[in-house]
Protein backbone atom coordinates (compact mmCIF):
# COMPACT_ATOMS: atom_id res chain seq x y z
CA UNK A 1 217.38 0.85 121.96
CA UNK A 2 215.03 3.86 121.82
CA UNK A 3 216.01 6.00 118.80
CA UNK A 4 214.29 9.05 120.32
CA UNK A 5 217.06 9.35 122.93
CA UNK A 6 219.76 12.00 122.60
CA UNK A 7 223.35 10.78 122.04
CA UNK A 8 224.11 11.32 125.74
CA UNK A 9 220.95 9.48 126.83
CA UNK A 10 221.73 6.70 124.37
CA UNK A 11 225.21 6.27 125.85
CA UNK A 12 223.79 6.09 129.38
CA UNK A 13 221.14 3.57 128.31
CA UNK A 14 223.74 1.38 126.60
CA UNK A 15 225.99 1.48 129.66
CA UNK A 16 223.08 0.50 131.93
CA UNK A 17 222.39 -2.51 129.72
CA UNK A 18 226.09 -3.48 129.78
CA UNK A 19 226.07 -3.36 133.57
CA UNK A 20 222.84 -5.36 133.75
CA UNK A 21 224.42 -8.06 131.62
CA UNK A 22 227.60 -7.98 133.73
CA UNK A 23 225.71 -8.34 137.04
CA UNK A 24 223.37 -11.00 135.63
CA UNK A 25 221.08 -12.81 138.05
CA UNK A 26 222.53 -10.94 141.03
CA UNK A 27 220.64 -7.82 139.92
CA UNK A 28 216.91 -7.04 139.88
CA UNK A 29 215.68 -3.62 138.69
CA UNK A 30 212.16 -2.65 139.72
CA UNK A 31 210.28 0.20 138.05
CA UNK A 32 207.14 1.91 139.34
CA UNK A 33 204.37 2.78 136.87
CA UNK A 34 205.07 6.50 137.40
CA UNK A 35 208.67 6.33 136.21
CA UNK A 36 209.73 7.87 132.89
CA UNK A 37 210.20 5.58 129.88
CA UNK A 38 213.99 5.93 129.98
CA UNK A 39 213.88 4.15 133.37
CA UNK A 40 211.09 1.69 132.59
CA UNK A 41 213.00 0.38 129.57
CA UNK A 42 215.61 -1.09 131.96
CA UNK A 43 213.19 -2.53 134.55
CA UNK A 44 212.81 -6.28 135.01
CA UNK A 45 209.35 -5.66 136.45
CA UNK A 46 206.94 -2.73 136.22
CA UNK A 47 204.17 -2.34 138.77
CA UNK A 48 202.79 -0.59 141.83
CA UNK A 49 204.78 -0.22 145.02
CA UNK A 50 203.70 -3.25 147.07
CA UNK A 51 203.60 -5.64 144.13
CA UNK A 52 207.20 -4.70 143.35
CA UNK A 53 208.24 -5.25 146.97
CA UNK A 54 206.69 -8.71 146.87
CA UNK A 55 208.56 -9.48 143.64
CA UNK A 56 211.79 -8.43 145.34
CA UNK A 57 211.07 -10.80 148.23
CA UNK A 58 210.30 -13.66 145.85
CA UNK A 59 213.51 -13.20 143.86
CA UNK A 60 216.95 -14.63 144.50
CA UNK A 61 218.72 -11.45 143.39
CA UNK A 62 221.37 -10.07 145.71
CA UNK A 63 220.89 -6.44 144.60
CA UNK A 64 217.39 -4.97 144.37
CA UNK A 65 217.52 -1.58 142.64
CA UNK A 66 214.15 0.04 143.31
CA UNK A 67 213.29 2.81 140.83
CA UNK A 68 210.63 4.39 142.97
CA UNK A 69 210.59 6.49 146.14
CA UNK A 70 211.93 5.99 149.66
CA UNK A 71 208.95 4.32 151.36
CA UNK A 72 208.78 1.77 148.54
CA UNK A 73 212.41 0.78 148.99
CA UNK A 74 211.80 0.51 152.75
CA UNK A 75 208.94 -1.93 152.15
CA UNK A 76 211.19 -3.97 149.90
CA UNK A 77 213.88 -4.10 152.59
CA UNK A 78 211.32 -5.20 155.19
CA UNK A 79 210.08 -8.06 153.01
CA UNK A 80 213.42 -9.27 151.59
CA UNK A 81 215.94 -11.41 153.47
CA UNK A 82 219.07 -10.17 155.22
CA UNK A 83 221.33 -11.21 152.34
CA UNK A 84 219.52 -9.01 149.83
CA UNK A 85 220.58 -5.40 149.38
CA UNK A 86 217.94 -2.81 148.47
CA UNK A 87 219.25 0.24 146.61
CA UNK A 88 217.49 3.53 145.80
CA UNK A 89 219.15 5.30 142.83
CA UNK A 90 218.55 8.76 144.33
CA UNK A 91 218.26 9.11 148.09
CA UNK A 92 216.36 12.39 147.69
CA UNK A 93 213.44 10.60 146.04
CA UNK A 94 210.85 10.76 148.80
CA UNK A 95 207.07 11.14 148.75
CA UNK A 96 205.36 14.39 149.72
CA UNK A 97 202.29 12.51 150.95
CA UNK A 98 204.32 10.15 153.13
CA UNK A 99 206.18 13.15 154.55
CA UNK A 100 202.87 14.69 155.70
CA UNK A 101 202.68 12.19 158.56
CA UNK A 102 205.76 11.75 160.76
CA UNK A 103 206.10 9.38 163.70
CA UNK A 104 206.24 12.26 166.21
CA UNK A 105 203.09 13.83 164.74
CA UNK A 106 201.17 10.56 164.75
CA UNK A 107 202.23 9.66 168.30
CA UNK A 108 201.16 13.09 169.53
CA UNK A 109 197.85 12.94 167.65
CA UNK A 110 197.24 9.40 168.91
CA UNK A 111 197.32 10.45 172.55
CA UNK A 112 195.15 13.51 171.90
CA UNK A 113 192.55 11.57 169.94
CA UNK A 114 192.35 8.81 172.56
CA UNK A 115 191.63 11.47 175.19
CA UNK A 116 189.31 13.74 173.20
CA UNK A 117 187.27 10.93 171.64
CA UNK A 118 187.21 8.80 174.82
CA UNK A 119 188.70 5.81 173.01
CA UNK A 120 191.03 3.02 174.11
CA UNK A 121 194.35 1.90 172.69
CA UNK A 122 194.17 -1.70 171.32
CA UNK A 123 197.59 -2.30 172.85
CA UNK A 124 195.89 -2.38 176.27
CA UNK A 125 194.07 -5.66 175.57
CA UNK A 126 195.60 -9.13 175.54
CA UNK A 127 195.29 -9.47 171.78
CA UNK A 128 195.36 -6.02 170.16
CA UNK A 129 193.91 -7.44 166.94
CA UNK A 130 191.05 -9.41 168.48
CA UNK A 131 187.52 -8.81 167.24
CA UNK A 132 185.89 -6.31 169.58
CA UNK A 133 182.77 -6.93 171.62
CA UNK A 134 179.59 -4.95 170.98
CA UNK A 135 180.37 -2.22 173.52
CA UNK A 136 184.12 -1.80 172.87
CA UNK A 137 185.55 1.55 171.84
CA UNK A 138 189.07 1.10 170.50
CA UNK A 139 191.04 3.37 168.18
CA UNK A 140 192.56 1.22 165.43
CA UNK A 141 195.32 2.73 163.26
CA UNK A 142 195.40 2.10 159.51
CA UNK A 143 198.26 3.42 157.43
CA UNK A 144 198.34 3.62 153.66
CA UNK A 145 201.26 1.85 152.01
CA UNK A 146 202.55 5.33 151.14
CA UNK A 147 204.07 5.88 154.58
CA UNK A 148 207.41 5.49 156.29
CA UNK A 149 208.57 2.24 157.89
CA UNK A 150 208.46 3.69 161.40
CA UNK A 151 204.75 4.49 160.94
CA UNK A 152 204.07 0.96 159.72
CA UNK A 153 205.88 -0.21 162.86
CA UNK A 154 203.71 2.08 165.03
CA UNK A 155 200.58 0.70 163.39
CA UNK A 156 201.72 -2.89 163.82
CA UNK A 157 202.45 -2.44 167.52
CA UNK A 158 199.08 -0.77 168.17
CA UNK A 159 197.03 -3.57 166.68
CA UNK A 160 196.61 -1.89 163.30
CA UNK A 161 197.21 -2.68 159.67
CA UNK A 162 198.50 -1.41 156.32
CA UNK A 163 196.29 -0.86 153.27
CA UNK A 164 196.75 -0.23 149.56
CA UNK A 165 194.49 1.65 147.20
CA UNK A 166 193.11 -1.67 145.94
CA UNK A 167 192.20 -3.26 149.29
CA UNK A 168 191.25 -0.25 151.44
CA UNK A 169 187.59 -1.24 151.85
CA UNK A 170 188.41 -4.75 153.06
CA UNK A 171 191.04 -3.34 155.41
CA UNK A 172 188.58 -0.83 156.90
CA UNK A 173 186.04 -3.60 157.50
CA UNK A 174 188.75 -5.53 159.36
CA UNK A 175 189.63 -2.42 161.39
CA UNK A 176 185.99 -1.70 162.29
CA UNK A 177 185.65 -5.25 163.62
CA UNK A 178 188.64 -4.57 165.90
CA UNK A 179 187.49 -1.10 166.92
CA UNK A 180 184.02 -2.09 168.10
CA UNK A 181 180.66 -0.43 167.56
CA UNK A 182 181.74 2.62 169.57
CA UNK A 183 185.29 2.70 168.27
CA UNK A 184 187.01 4.50 165.44
CA UNK A 185 189.78 4.16 162.88
CA UNK A 186 192.66 6.61 162.48
CA UNK A 187 193.49 6.59 158.75
CA UNK A 188 196.69 8.19 157.48
CA UNK A 189 198.39 9.79 155.64
CA UNK A 190 196.00 10.24 152.67
CA UNK A 191 192.68 11.80 153.58
CA UNK A 192 191.22 11.32 150.09
CA UNK A 193 191.67 7.54 149.91
CA UNK A 194 190.15 7.25 153.38
CA UNK A 195 187.22 9.55 152.60
CA UNK A 196 186.49 7.97 149.21
CA UNK A 197 186.59 4.47 150.70
CA UNK A 198 184.42 5.43 153.66
CA UNK A 199 181.93 7.14 151.36
CA UNK A 200 181.72 4.02 149.17
CA UNK A 201 180.96 2.03 152.34
CA UNK A 202 178.07 4.35 153.19
CA UNK A 203 179.74 6.25 156.03
CA UNK A 204 178.39 9.80 156.29
CA UNK A 205 180.90 12.63 156.03
CA UNK A 206 180.10 13.99 159.50
CA UNK A 207 181.42 10.69 160.88
CA UNK A 208 184.75 11.21 159.08
CA UNK A 209 186.39 14.28 160.70
CA UNK A 210 189.84 15.40 159.58
CA UNK A 211 192.83 15.69 161.92
CA UNK A 212 195.41 18.33 160.99
CA UNK A 213 198.80 18.15 162.77
CA UNK A 214 199.37 21.22 164.92
CA UNK A 215 195.71 22.23 164.70
CA UNK A 216 193.60 19.26 165.72
CA UNK A 217 190.22 17.98 164.63
CA UNK A 218 187.96 19.54 162.06
CA UNK A 219 184.69 17.95 163.12
CA UNK A 220 183.47 15.92 166.06
CA UNK A 221 185.79 13.13 167.19
CA UNK A 222 183.40 11.43 169.61
CA UNK A 223 181.24 8.94 167.78
CA UNK A 224 183.26 9.23 164.57
CA UNK A 225 184.05 6.13 162.50
CA UNK A 226 187.08 7.26 160.51
CA UNK A 227 189.43 10.03 161.60
CA UNK A 228 191.21 11.20 158.47
CA UNK A 229 194.75 12.56 158.50
CA UNK A 230 195.16 15.82 156.59
CA UNK A 231 197.51 14.42 153.96
CA UNK A 232 197.23 14.23 150.19
CA UNK A 233 199.02 13.44 146.93
CA UNK A 234 200.18 16.63 145.25
CA UNK A 235 199.59 15.08 141.80
CA UNK A 236 196.14 13.57 142.33
CA UNK A 237 194.69 16.57 144.16
CA UNK A 238 195.03 18.52 140.88
CA UNK A 239 192.25 16.60 139.13
CA UNK A 240 188.92 18.44 139.27
CA UNK A 241 185.26 18.17 138.29
CA UNK A 242 185.78 21.14 135.95
CA UNK A 243 188.30 19.08 134.00
CA UNK A 244 185.80 16.22 133.80
CA UNK A 245 183.08 18.60 132.59
CA UNK A 246 185.39 19.97 129.89
CA UNK A 247 186.27 16.45 128.71
CA UNK A 248 182.63 15.39 128.60
CA UNK A 249 181.78 18.54 126.62
CA UNK A 250 184.29 17.46 123.98
CA UNK A 251 183.40 13.76 124.21
CA UNK A 252 179.83 13.20 125.49
CA UNK A 253 180.33 9.44 125.31
CA UNK A 254 183.81 9.62 126.82
CA UNK A 255 184.90 7.62 129.85
CA UNK A 256 186.70 8.99 132.92
CA UNK A 257 188.71 6.84 135.31
CA UNK A 258 190.68 8.30 138.24
CA UNK A 259 192.78 7.20 141.19
CA UNK A 260 191.09 7.19 144.64
CA UNK A 261 193.75 9.61 145.91
CA UNK A 262 191.77 12.28 144.01
CA UNK A 263 189.32 14.56 145.90
CA UNK A 264 185.90 13.02 146.50
CA UNK A 265 184.00 15.34 144.13
CA UNK A 266 186.34 14.27 141.32
CA UNK A 267 185.93 10.59 142.17
CA UNK A 268 182.13 10.89 142.28
CA UNK A 269 182.06 12.66 138.91
CA UNK A 270 184.16 9.94 137.24
CA UNK A 271 182.91 6.71 135.72
CA UNK A 272 185.33 4.55 137.68
CA UNK A 273 188.15 4.81 140.19
CA UNK A 274 190.83 2.48 141.40
CA UNK A 275 194.51 1.70 141.89
CA UNK A 276 197.16 1.96 139.18
CA UNK A 277 196.62 -1.69 138.25
CA UNK A 278 192.85 -1.21 138.27
CA UNK A 279 193.23 1.73 135.87
CA UNK A 280 195.43 -0.34 133.56
CA UNK A 281 192.89 -3.17 133.51
CA UNK A 282 189.97 -0.77 133.08
CA UNK A 283 191.55 0.90 130.05
CA UNK A 284 192.36 -2.47 128.47
CA UNK A 285 188.69 -3.52 128.76
CA UNK A 286 187.28 -0.49 126.89
CA UNK A 287 186.15 -0.75 123.29
CA UNK A 288 188.41 0.33 120.41
CA UNK A 289 187.75 3.95 119.51
CA UNK A 290 186.81 4.88 123.09
CA UNK A 291 187.75 8.33 124.37
CA UNK A 292 189.24 7.88 127.84
CA UNK A 293 190.42 10.56 130.27
CA UNK A 294 192.62 9.32 133.11
CA UNK A 295 193.26 11.08 136.42
CA UNK A 296 196.68 9.87 137.47
CA UNK A 297 200.39 10.52 136.90
CA UNK A 298 201.26 11.59 133.35
CA UNK A 299 204.00 9.01 132.64
CA UNK A 300 201.55 6.18 133.26
CA UNK A 301 198.85 7.86 131.14
CA UNK A 302 201.28 8.40 128.24
CA UNK A 303 202.40 4.78 128.46
CA UNK A 304 198.79 3.56 128.37
CA UNK A 305 198.18 5.70 125.28
CA UNK A 306 201.17 4.05 123.58
CA UNK A 307 199.99 0.59 124.60
CA UNK A 308 196.44 1.17 123.26
CA UNK A 309 196.76 3.02 119.93
CA UNK A 310 193.21 1.91 119.05
CA UNK A 311 191.83 4.13 121.83
CA UNK A 312 191.93 7.89 122.38
CA UNK A 313 193.60 8.28 125.78
CA UNK A 314 194.46 11.57 127.46
CA UNK A 315 195.37 12.90 130.88
CA UNK A 316 192.45 14.58 132.63
CA UNK A 317 194.69 17.59 133.36
CA UNK A 318 196.41 18.65 130.14
CA UNK A 319 198.97 20.71 132.08
CA UNK A 320 199.88 18.17 134.76
CA UNK A 321 203.56 17.56 135.38
CA UNK A 322 205.18 14.24 136.37
CA UNK A 323 205.43 13.26 140.03
CA UNK A 324 208.39 15.42 141.05
CA UNK A 325 209.91 12.88 143.44
CA UNK A 326 209.53 9.95 141.04
CA UNK A 327 211.22 12.15 138.44
CA UNK A 328 214.32 12.29 140.67
CA UNK A 329 215.16 8.78 139.47
CA UNK A 330 217.17 9.79 136.41
CA UNK A 331 218.95 7.24 134.18
CA UNK A 332 222.28 8.83 135.15
CA UNK A 333 221.58 7.97 138.81
CA UNK A 334 220.62 4.43 137.85
CA UNK A 335 223.83 4.05 135.87
CA UNK A 336 225.87 5.42 138.77
CA UNK A 337 224.55 2.94 141.36
CA UNK A 338 225.00 0.05 138.93
CA UNK A 339 228.61 1.12 138.30
CA UNK A 340 229.24 1.17 142.03
CA UNK A 341 227.55 -2.20 142.57
CA UNK A 342 229.76 -3.65 139.86
CA UNK A 343 232.76 -2.24 141.78
CA UNK A 344 231.70 -4.11 144.92
CA UNK A 345 229.99 -1.24 146.75
CA UNK A 346 226.57 -1.08 148.39
CA UNK A 347 225.49 2.39 147.20
CA UNK A 348 222.41 4.13 148.58
CA UNK A 349 221.43 1.03 150.53
CA UNK A 350 218.07 1.25 152.28
CA UNK A 351 218.24 -0.44 155.68
CA UNK A 352 215.23 -0.58 157.99
CA UNK A 353 216.41 -1.40 161.54
CA UNK A 354 215.28 -4.77 162.91
CA UNK A 355 213.42 -3.03 165.73
CA UNK A 356 211.24 -1.21 163.18
CA UNK A 357 210.93 -4.16 160.83
CA UNK A 358 209.20 -6.24 163.48
CA UNK A 359 206.08 -4.08 163.92
CA UNK A 360 206.02 -3.25 160.21
CA UNK A 361 205.93 -6.94 159.34
CA UNK A 362 203.05 -7.49 161.74
CA UNK A 363 201.04 -4.76 160.00
CA UNK A 364 201.92 -6.01 156.52
CA UNK A 365 201.24 -9.65 157.34
CA UNK A 366 197.83 -8.73 158.74
CA UNK A 367 197.07 -7.03 155.44
CA UNK A 368 198.18 -10.06 153.45
CA UNK A 369 195.92 -12.33 155.50
CA UNK A 370 192.81 -10.42 154.46
CA UNK A 371 190.89 -10.80 151.22
CA UNK A 372 189.82 -7.61 149.47
């Protein structure tokens, strides 16, 4: 057990381990990379959100305790079978980015964009996911994994698809094929991932207008290729080119790697960008003695520094705080739900209605059928 824990934290950690042993194979604890070490130490698997959901689906555990945020637990419930119970230790653990796009807002924007951009809804053709003809002009929705289940359902029913930060380019290529030469893609909720991916694909910024709920389009919708939703990650938007400049001043040969949820100027100024798993792999491949600045959540950066003592690893923003919603998963909450599971309860169960699961599964299965 970690000797750096306080007596109270030590007691909680020991009780969690007792409960894990008591529940045995019926229990699976999943921990996201952004969780604190006092949670990660109890996780059976550590990873990004979709990988963890897939692990839940592949397991035979009855209770899936997801130490992440709400949309992640929803994805796990969608992918697991009806006999598996997905539990979120703290029901207040949401995602500020996911909350920036609600179903009502997207439905309203969808109708407005179709009208203003003179586009068609894929749902109006026999196969909403068919490859478009040369002259077609469909609006194809793409939602980032960091979104609610009802938005994944909306996307699935309108011929669209889900993406992750590691497969966004391949997903956009798929969506463009379904939109047609004169069509467009509505990408939500993270504008930065959409803009960075579009830029990497050679799409000019004037063809990627931003849609702000309650305000409308910033830029010309007609003829656009990607319509970006005005959402963002409150952690990743903090990383700046000034921070990169300061790091390079201290370490001229230093290396900077950031997450594609960062603003585009930050991404362009870095040496590399990619998903949480990409960042982990990138750091592992660097030479011993390398100075590496990472633009992502501080818990993950600190863990990478511990894992690679032969390298000089730091967070790009020295003052950055942990993801506030991830931090809501406290060991005391984890202990509490495990106590209640051991008592025969189903605490904080995440249940996505069957009516919403259907369209969500369509969108997720389309994603899984596509190579990066």
